[in-house]
């Protein structure tokens, strides 16, 4: 699968929606307040750690198929199936709750590790961000899993890493943006951001279902060919260079 701007845009949106989840967003004011007390650039260090955590874990998992020697066709179908699964989870609150319950053990292990970290200075906040990727895994699992399935469609490690890096960037952006606003403004924005996260997950789930179905049917190749035929030349050169 040749990645285009749509693929990379989906990765960023999935990352954004991960941080805007109902079980994550309410904690952000507390985390940012602690980060600011640790260092004036603490929120940026926290965001960098979180983004890197998601990117590294996602790249590692998305590359497993290549590492064990799965053929590209089998890897495509497996990734498409996983994409369909997480698309269904994103569209079904009951499935999201079951997924979160199943991943509680991972979250608890991350929380124990987080309790051992001294959140002082830039390095401390960066370390907190790294571990938060594990602690939040039950909540952000459907969006992270969908992004990993999307990244697994890449034909080489650079594509896989690019998708997961953009996911990490998307997850880090709300921390950076909210770190620059006052606490009252953050509280006023909370309701709107939660609504965006809720509706965005529904849309993203539908897109994952559609993309998974296209890949399994082989129609994604025809769609890519149509896009390349009608897209501006500068856009084609940009997307095929990655």
Foldseek 3Di string as FASTA:
>chain_A
DFDAPVLLVLLLLLLQLLCLFPVRLVCLVVLLVLLCVQDVCRLVLLLLLQLVLLLVVLLVVLCVCVVVPHDLLVLLLVLLVLLLVLLVCLQDVVSLVVQLVVLQVQLVVLVVVLVPQDCHHSVSSSVNSNSVNRNSCSNSVSSSSNLSSSLSNDPDSVSSSSSSSSSSVSNSVVSVVVSPDDPVVSVVCSVVSNVCSSVSSNVSSVVSNVVSVCSVVVVVVVVVVVCLVPPDPVSNVVSNVD
